[in-house]
Amino acid sequence: MSTTADETLRMWGEQIHLHRTVLGLTLEQVAAEVGVRMPTVWRWEHGQMEPRRHHKVKLAETLHTDVRILFPLVRPAA
């Protein structure tokens, strides 16, 4: 089964949100740690924007998880 780009962004956003809330971090705290503005983290969590590669790594570090868990690889739709 293939996954669309929009579905992938939504899934990644859900993972970011889940990890952030489990750790009790605010959007502002995550943004400060990653080096972006709070609306950027909000857009990531809502599947509106994909984090850049270096932001994915920093997000995983900030959220105390592996980048492969936070951003699992999926097969794009054909």
PDB file of N, CA and C in Angstrom:
ATOM      1  N   MET A   1       0.852  -1.180   0.000  1.00  0.00           N
ATOM      2  CA  MET A   1       0.000   0.000   0.000  1.00  0.00           C
ATOM      3  C   MET A   1       0.894   1.239   0.000  1.00  0.00           C
ATOM      4  N   SER A   2       0.592   2.177  -0.860  1.00  0.00           N
ATOM      5  CA  SER A   2       1.405   3.380  -0.956  1.00  0.00           C
ATOM      6  C   SER A   2       0.761   4.526  -0.173  1.00  0.00           C
ATOM      7  N   THR A   3       1.565   5.515   0.122  1.00  0.00           N
ATOM      8  CA  THR A   3       1.120   6.652   0.910  1.00  0.00           C
ATOM      9  C   THR A   3       1.376   7.929   0.129  1.00  0.00           C
ATOM     10  N   THR A   4       0.419   8.841   0.150  1.00  0.00           N
ATOM     11  CA  THR A   4       0.606  10.110  -0.537  1.00  0.00           C
ATOM     12  C   THR A   4       1.499  11.029   0.286  1.00  0.00           C
ATOM     13  N   ALA A   5       2.030  12.046  -0.370  1.00  0.00           N
ATOM     14  CA  ALA A   5       2.885  13.015   0.321  1.00  0.00           C
ATOM     15  C   ALA A   5       2.126  13.697   1.454  1.00  0.00           C
ATOM     16  N   ASP A   6       0.860  14.050   1.221  1.00  0.00           N
ATOM     17  CA  ASP A   6       0.060  14.698   2.268  1.00  0.00           C
ATOM     18  C   ASP A   6      -0.124  13.781   3.470  1.00  0.00           C
ATOM     19  N   GLU A   7      -0.373  12.500   3.214  1.00  0.00           N
ATOM     20  CA  GLU A   7      -0.534  11.546   4.309  1.00  0.00           C
ATOM     21  C   GLU A   7       0.767  11.385   5.092  1.00  0.00           C
ATOM     22  N   THR A   8       1.871  11.396   4.381  1.00  0.00           N
ATOM     23  CA  THR A   8       3.175  11.290   5.034  1.00  0.00           C
ATOM     24  C   THR A   8       3.415  12.484   5.934  1.00  0.00           C
ATOM     25  N   LEU A   9       3.148  13.685   5.434  1.00  0.00           N
ATOM     26  CA  LEU A   9       3.339  14.890   6.250  1.00  0.00           C
ATOM     27  C   LEU A   9       2.441  14.860   7.482  1.00  0.00           C
ATOM     28  N   ARG A  10       1.204  14.411   7.321  1.00  0.00           N
ATOM     29  CA  ARG A  10       0.289  14.309   8.466  1.00  0.00           C
ATOM     30  C   ARG A  10       0.807  13.295   9.492  1.00  0.00           C
ATOM     31  N   MET A  11       1.294  12.160   9.008  1.00  0.00           N
ATOM     32  CA  MET A  11       1.818  11.129   9.904  1.00  0.00           C
ATOM     33  C   MET A  11       3.040  11.655  10.656  1.00  0.00           C
ATOM     34  N   TRP A  12       3.947  12.307   9.961  1.00  0.00           N
ATOM     35  CA  TRP A  12       5.127  12.877  10.605  1.00  0.00           C
ATOM     36  C   TRP A  12       4.709  13.923  11.634  1.00  0.00           C
ATOM     37  N   GLY A  13       3.728  14.756  11.272  1.00  0.00           N
ATOM     38  CA  GLY A  13       3.241  15.782  12.192  1.00  0.00           C
ATOM     39  C   GLY A  13       2.666  15.186  13.458  1.00  0.00           C
ATOM     40  N   GLU A  14       1.928  14.100  13.306  1.00  0.00           N
ATOM     41  CA  GLU A  14       1.365  13.418  14.473  1.00  0.00           C
ATOM     42  C   GLU A  14       2.476  12.893  15.381  1.00  0.00           C
ATOM     43  N   GLN A  15       3.536  12.377  14.788  1.00  0.00           N
ATOM     44  CA  GLN A  15       4.664  11.882  15.577  1.00  0.00           C
ATOM     45  C   GLN A  15       5.358  13.017  16.325  1.00  0.00           C
ATOM     46  N   ILE A  16       5.567  14.131  15.646  1.00  0.00           N
ATOM     47  CA  ILE A  16       6.194  15.286  16.294  1.00  0.00           C
ATOM     48  C   ILE A  16       5.338  15.736  17.470  1.00  0.00           C
ATOM     49  N   HIS A  17       4.036  15.885  17.231  1.00  0.00           N
ATOM     50  CA  HIS A  17       3.119  16.338  18.282  1.00  0.00           C
ATOM     51  C   HIS A  17       3.108  15.359  19.457  1.00  0.00           C
ATOM     52  N   LEU A  18       3.009  14.088  19.166  1.00  0.00           N
ATOM     53  CA  LEU A  18       2.967  13.075  20.214  1.00  0.00           C
ATOM     54  C   LEU A  18       4.226  13.130  21.080  1.00  0.00           C
ATOM     55  N   HIS A  19       5.375  13.118  20.451  1.00  0.00           N
ATOM     56  CA  HIS A  19       6.625  13.141  21.216  1.00  0.00           C
ATOM     57  C   HIS A  19       6.754  14.441  22.020  1.00  0.00           C
ATOM     58  N   ARG A  20       6.373  15.547  21.420  1.00  0.00           N
ATOM     59  CA  ARG A  20       6.469  16.837  22.114  1.00  0.00           C
ATOM     60  C   ARG A  20       5.583  16.855  23.349  1.00  0.00           C
ATOM     61  N   THR A  21       4.338  16.418  23.200  1.00  0.00           N
ATOM     62  CA  THR A  21       3.414  16.487  24.327  1.00  0.00           C
ATOM     63  C   THR A  21       3.770  15.482  25.417  1.00  0.00           C
ATOM     64  N   VAL A  22       4.272  14.312  25.040  1.00  0.00           N
ATOM     65  CA  VAL A  22       4.696  13.330  26.048  1.00  0.00           C
ATOM     66  C   VAL A  22       5.820  13.913  26.902  1.00  0.00           C
ATOM     67  N   LEU A  23       6.697  14.678  26.280  1.00  0.00           N
ATOM     68  CA  LEU A  23       7.799  15.302  27.018  1.00  0.00           C
ATOM     69  C   LEU A  23       7.370  16.575  27.752  1.00  0.00           C
ATOM     70  N   GLY A  24       6.144  17.029  27.494  1.00  0.00           N
ATOM     71  CA  GLY A  24       5.649  18.237  28.151  1.00  0.00           C
ATOM     72  C   GLY A  24       6.276  19.517  27.624  1.00  0.00           C
ATOM     73  N   LEU A  25       6.708  19.485  26.379  1.00  0.00           N
ATOM     74  CA  LEU A  25       7.334  20.663  25.776  1.00  0.00           C
ATOM     75  C   LEU A  25       6.309  21.496  25.022  1.00  0.00           C
ATOM     76  N   THR A  26       6.503  22.800  25.032  1.00  0.00           N
ATOM     77  CA  THR A  26       5.639  23.691  24.259  1.00  0.00           C
ATOM     78  C   THR A  26       6.184  23.834  22.847  1.00  0.00           C
ATOM     79  N   LEU A  27       5.347  24.359  21.977  1.00  0.00           N
ATOM     80  CA  LEU A  27       5.804  24.661  20.616  1.00  0.00           C
ATOM     81  C   LEU A  27       6.994  25.609  20.660  1.00  0.00           C
ATOM     82  N   GLU A  28       6.918  26.587  21.541  1.00  0.00           N
ATOM     83  CA  GLU A  28       7.986  27.576  21.667  1.00  0.00           C
ATOM     84  C   GLU A  28       9.299  26.943  22.109  1.00  0.00           C
ATOM     85  N   GLN A  29       9.220  26.019  23.044  1.00  0.00           N
ATOM     86  CA  GLN A  29      10.430  25.349  23.520  1.00  0.00           C
ATOM     87  C   GLN A  29      11.088  24.527  22.415  1.00  0.00           C
ATOM     88  N   VAL A  30      10.274  23.794  21.677  1.00  0.00           N
ATOM     89  CA  VAL A  30      10.818  22.996  20.578  1.00  0.00           C
ATOM     90  C   VAL A  30      11.411  23.910  19.515  1.00  0.00           C
ATOM     91  N   ALA A  31      10.706  24.971  19.180  1.00  0.00           N
ATOM     92  CA  ALA A  31      11.206  25.911  18.176  1.00  0.00           C
ATOM     93  C   ALA A  31      12.559  26.483  18.579  1.00  0.00           C
ATOM     94  N   ALA A  32      12.690  26.872  19.832  1.00  0.00           N
ATOM     95  CA  ALA A  32      13.953  27.446  20.315  1.00  0.00           C
ATOM     96  C   ALA A  32      15.089  26.433  20.220  1.00  0.00           C
ATOM     97  N   GLU A  33      14.818  25.195  20.579  1.00  0.00           N
ATOM     98  CA  GLU A  33      15.840  24.144  20.526  1.00  0.00           C
ATOM     99  C   GLU A  33      16.264  23.822  19.093  1.00  0.00           C
ATOM    100  N   VAL A  34      15.291  23.832  18.183  1.00  0.00           N
ATOM    101  CA  VAL A  34      15.570  23.457  16.791  1.00  0.00           C
ATOM    102  C   VAL A  34      16.138  24.636  16.002  1.00  0.00           C
ATOM    103  N   GLY A  35      15.848  25.853  16.458  1.00  0.00           N
ATOM    104  CA  GLY A  35      16.348  27.035  15.773  1.00  0.00           C
ATOM    105  C   GLY A  35      15.426  27.570  14.701  1.00  0.00           C
ATOM    106  N   VAL A  36      14.122  27.413  14.956  1.00  0.00           N
ATOM    107  CA  VAL A  36      13.108  27.941  14.041  1.00  0.00           C
ATOM    108  C   VAL A  36      12.098  28.744  14.850  1.00  0.00           C
ATOM    109  N   ARG A  37      11.138  29.341  14.156  1.00  0.00           N
ATOM    110  CA  ARG A  37      10.075  30.075  14.844  1.00  0.00           C
ATOM    111  C   ARG A  37       8.938  29.124  15.187  1.00  0.00           C
ATOM    112  N   MET A  38       8.163  29.487  16.209  1.00  0.00           N
ATOM    113  CA  MET A  38       7.069  28.641  16.669  1.00  0.00           C
ATOM    114  C   MET A  38       6.077  28.284  15.563  1.00  0.00           C
ATOM    115  N   PRO A  39       5.682  29.227  14.673  1.00  0.00           N
ATOM    116  CA  PRO A  39       4.736  28.836  13.624  1.00  0.00           C
ATOM    117  C   PRO A  39       5.268  27.730  12.704  1.00  0.00           C
ATOM    118  N   THR A  40       6.572  27.636  12.580  1.00  0.00           N
ATOM    119  CA  THR A  40       7.152  26.574  11.752  1.00  0.00           C
ATOM    120  C   THR A  40       6.892  25.217  12.380  1.00  0.00           C
ATOM    121  N   VAL A  41       7.096  25.101  13.681  1.00  0.00           N
ATOM    122  CA  VAL A  41       6.824  23.833  14.365  1.00  0.00           C
ATOM    123  C   VAL A  41       5.339  23.510  14.264  1.00  0.00           C
ATOM    124  N   TRP A  42       4.485  24.508  14.395  1.00  0.00           N
ATOM    125  CA  TRP A  42       3.038  24.303  14.266  1.00  0.00           C
ATOM    126  C   TRP A  42       2.704  23.739  12.879  1.00  0.00           C
ATOM    127  N   ARG A  43       3.316  24.299  11.849  1.00  0.00           N
ATOM    128  CA  ARG A  43       3.078  23.814  10.477  1.00  0.00           C
ATOM    129  C   ARG A  43       3.560  22.380  10.307  1.00  0.00           C
ATOM    130  N   TRP A  44       4.691  22.043  10.919  1.00  0.00           N
ATOM    131  CA  TRP A  44       5.169  20.661  10.858  1.00  0.00           C
ATOM    132  C   TRP A  44       4.164  19.727  11.515  1.00  0.00           C
ATOM    133  N   GLU A  45       3.687  20.102  12.683  1.00  0.00           N
ATOM    134  CA  GLU A  45       2.750  19.249  13.420  1.00  0.00           C
ATOM    135  C   GLU A  45       1.417  19.084  12.694  1.00  0.00           C
ATOM    136  N   HIS A  46       1.042  20.067  11.913  1.00  0.00           N
ATOM    137  CA  HIS A  46      -0.232  20.011  11.207  1.00  0.00           C
ATOM    138  C   HIS A  46      -0.089  19.539   9.763  1.00  0.00           C
ATOM    139  N   GLY A  47       1.076  19.011   9.424  1.00  0.00           N
ATOM    140  CA  GLY A  47       1.281  18.433   8.104  1.00  0.00           C
ATOM    141  C   GLY A  47       1.251  19.434   6.974  1.00  0.00           C
ATOM    142  N   GLN A  48       1.534  20.678   7.276  1.00  0.00           N
ATOM    143  CA  GLN A  48       1.498  21.715   6.250  1.00  0.00           C
ATOM    144  C   GLN A  48       2.856  21.960   5.612  1.00  0.00           C
ATOM    145  N   MET A  49       3.904  21.437   6.237  1.00  0.00           N
ATOM    146  CA  MET A  49       5.249  21.717   5.759  1.00  0.00           C
ATOM    147  C   MET A  49       6.186  20.607   6.225  1.00  0.00           C
ATOM    148  N   GLU A  50       7.119  20.219   5.365  1.00  0.00           N
ATOM    149  CA  GLU A  50       8.103  19.205   5.740  1.00  0.00           C
ATOM    150  C   GLU A  50       9.341  19.876   6.316  1.00  0.00           C
ATOM    151  N   PRO A  51       9.817  19.379   7.446  1.00  0.00           N
ATOM    152  CA  PRO A  51      11.062  19.933   7.991  1.00  0.00           C
ATOM    153  C   PRO A  51      12.230  19.631   7.049  1.00  0.00           C
ATOM    154  N   ARG A  52      13.170  20.542   7.003  1.00  0.00           N
ATOM    155  CA  ARG A  52      14.395  20.290   6.246  1.00  0.00           C
ATOM    156  C   ARG A  52      15.174  19.188   6.941  1.00  0.00           C
ATOM    157  N   ARG A  53      16.081  18.587   6.210  1.00  0.00           N
ATOM    158  CA  ARG A  53      16.831  17.431   6.735  1.00  0.00           C
ATOM    159  C   ARG A  53      17.520  17.755   8.059  1.00  0.00           C
ATOM    160  N   HIS A  54      18.217  18.878   8.140  1.00  0.00           N
ATOM    161  CA  HIS A  54      18.925  19.198   9.385  1.00  0.00           C
ATOM    162  C   HIS A  54      17.962  19.489  10.532  1.00  0.00           C
ATOM    163  N   HIS A  55      16.757  19.975  10.202  1.00  0.00           N
ATOM    164  CA  HIS A  55      15.754  20.190  11.244  1.00  0.00           C
ATOM    165  C   HIS A  55      15.185  18.857  11.733  1.00  0.00           C
ATOM    166  N   LYS A  56      15.073  17.877  10.847  1.00  0.00           N
ATOM    167  CA  LYS A  56      14.590  16.557  11.265  1.00  0.00           C
ATOM    168  C   LYS A  56      15.528  15.954  12.305  1.00  0.00           C
ATOM    169  N   VAL A  57      16.824  16.083  12.055  1.00  0.00           N
ATOM    170  CA  VAL A  57      17.810  15.541  12.988  1.00  0.00           C
ATOM    171  C   VAL A  57      17.722  16.266  14.332  1.00  0.00           C
ATOM    172  N   LYS A  58      17.641  17.583  14.292  1.00  0.00           N
ATOM    173  CA  LYS A  58      17.568  18.371  15.533  1.00  0.00           C
ATOM    174  C   LYS A  58      16.256  18.096  16.281  1.00  0.00           C
ATOM    175  N   LEU A  59      15.159  17.926  15.542  1.00  0.00           N
ATOM    176  CA  LEU A  59      13.879  17.574  16.172  1.00  0.00           C
ATOM    177  C   LEU A  59      13.989  16.245  16.915  1.00  0.00           C
ATOM    178  N   ALA A  60      14.568  15.264  16.259  1.00  0.00           N
ATOM    179  CA  ALA A  60      14.715  13.954  16.890  1.00  0.00           C
ATOM    180  C   ALA A  60      15.545  14.061  18.170  1.00  0.00           C
ATOM    181  N   GLU A  61      16.625  14.829  18.119  1.00  0.00           N
ATOM    182  CA  GLU A  61      17.452  15.023  19.320  1.00  0.00           C
ATOM    183  C   GLU A  61      16.649  15.720  20.414  1.00  0.00           C
ATOM    184  N   THR A  62      15.943  16.767  20.049  1.00  0.00           N
ATOM    185  CA  THR A  62      15.162  17.550  21.007  1.00  0.00           C
ATOM    186  C   THR A  62      14.063  16.701  21.646  1.00  0.00           C
ATOM    187  N   LEU A  63      13.465  15.813  20.843  1.00  0.00           N
ATOM    188  CA  LEU A  63      12.354  14.997  21.318  1.00  0.00           C
ATOM    189  C   LEU A  63      12.812  13.631  21.837  1.00  0.00           C
ATOM    190  N   HIS A  64      14.115  13.466  22.009  1.00  0.00           N
ATOM    191  CA  HIS A  64      14.708  12.262  22.601  1.00  0.00           C
ATOM    192  C   HIS A  64      14.266  10.983  21.896  1.00  0.00           C
ATOM    193  N   THR A  65      14.363  10.999  20.579  1.00  0.00           N
ATOM    194  CA  THR A  65      14.017   9.818  19.807  1.00  0.00           C
ATOM    195  C   THR A  65      14.941   9.722  18.607  1.00  0.00           C
ATOM    196  N   ASP A  66      14.811   8.657  17.875  1.00  0.00           N
ATOM    197  CA  ASP A  66      15.597   8.436  16.671  1.00  0.00           C
ATOM    198  C   ASP A  66      14.880   9.066  15.484  1.00  0.00           C
ATOM    199  N   VAL A  67      15.638   9.647  14.588  1.00  0.00           N
ATOM    200  CA  VAL A  67      15.047  10.300  13.425  1.00  0.00           C
ATOM    201  C   VAL A  67      14.222   9.314  12.594  1.00  0.00           C
ATOM    202  N   ARG A  68      14.614   8.035  12.590  1.00  0.00           N
ATOM    203  CA  ARG A  68      13.868   7.025  11.817  1.00  0.00           C
ATOM    204  C   ARG A  68      12.535   6.687  12.460  1.00  0.00           C
ATOM    205  N   ILE A  69      12.419   6.930  13.756  1.00  0.00           N
ATOM    206  CA  ILE A  69      11.138   6.720  14.442  1.00  0.00           C
ATOM    207  C   ILE A  69      10.232   7.928  14.222  1.00  0.00           C
ATOM    208  N   LEU A  70      10.815   9.106  14.329  1.00  0.00           N
ATOM    209  CA  LEU A  70      10.038  10.336  14.163  1.00  0.00           C
ATOM    210  C   LEU A  70       9.578  10.518  12.724  1.00  0.00           C
ATOM    211  N   PHE A  71      10.427  10.112  11.787  1.00  0.00           N
ATOM    212  CA  PHE A  71      10.129  10.281  10.358  1.00  0.00           C
ATOM    213  C   PHE A  71      10.310   8.943   9.633  1.00  0.00           C
ATOM    214  N   PRO A  72       9.388   8.006   9.863  1.00  0.00           N
ATOM    215  CA  PRO A  72       9.532   6.708   9.205  1.00  0.00           C
ATOM    216  C   PRO A  72       9.431   6.853   7.686  1.00  0.00           C
ATOM    217  N   LEU A  73      10.225   6.048   6.998  1.00  0.00           N
ATOM    218  CA  LEU A  73      10.198   6.076   5.536  1.00  0.00           C
ATOM    219  C   LEU A  73       8.931   5.380   5.052  1.00  0.00           C
ATOM    220  N   VAL A  74       8.322   5.962   4.068  1.00  0.00           N
ATOM    221  CA  VAL A  74       7.135   5.365   3.471  1.00  0.00           C
ATOM    222  C   VAL A  74       7.318   5.365   1.964  1.00  0.00           C
ATOM    223  N   ARG A  75       6.601   4.489   1.311  1.00  0.00           N
ATOM    224  CA  ARG A  75       6.667   4.443  -0.143  1.00  0.00           C
ATOM    225  C   ARG A  75       5.740   5.481  -0.732  1.00  0.00           C
ATOM    226  N   PRO A  76       6.248   6.341  -1.623  1.00  0.00           N
ATOM    227  CA  PRO A  76       5.375   7.337  -2.245  1.00  0.00           C
ATOM    228  C   PRO A  76       4.357   6.681  -3.162  1.00  0.00           C
ATOM    229  N   ALA A  77       3.241   7.368  -3.350  1.00  0.00           N
ATOM    230  CA  ALA A  77       2.198   6.862  -4.237  1.00  0.00           C
ATOM    231  C   ALA A  77       2.722   6.824  -5.671  1.00  0.00           C
ATOM    232  N   ALA A  78       2.305   5.816  -6.408  1.00  0.00           N
ATOM    233  CA  ALA A  78       2.750   5.672  -7.807  1.00  0.00           C
ATOM    234  C   ALA A  78       2.032   6.632  -8.717  1.00  0.00           C
TER     235      ALA A  78
END
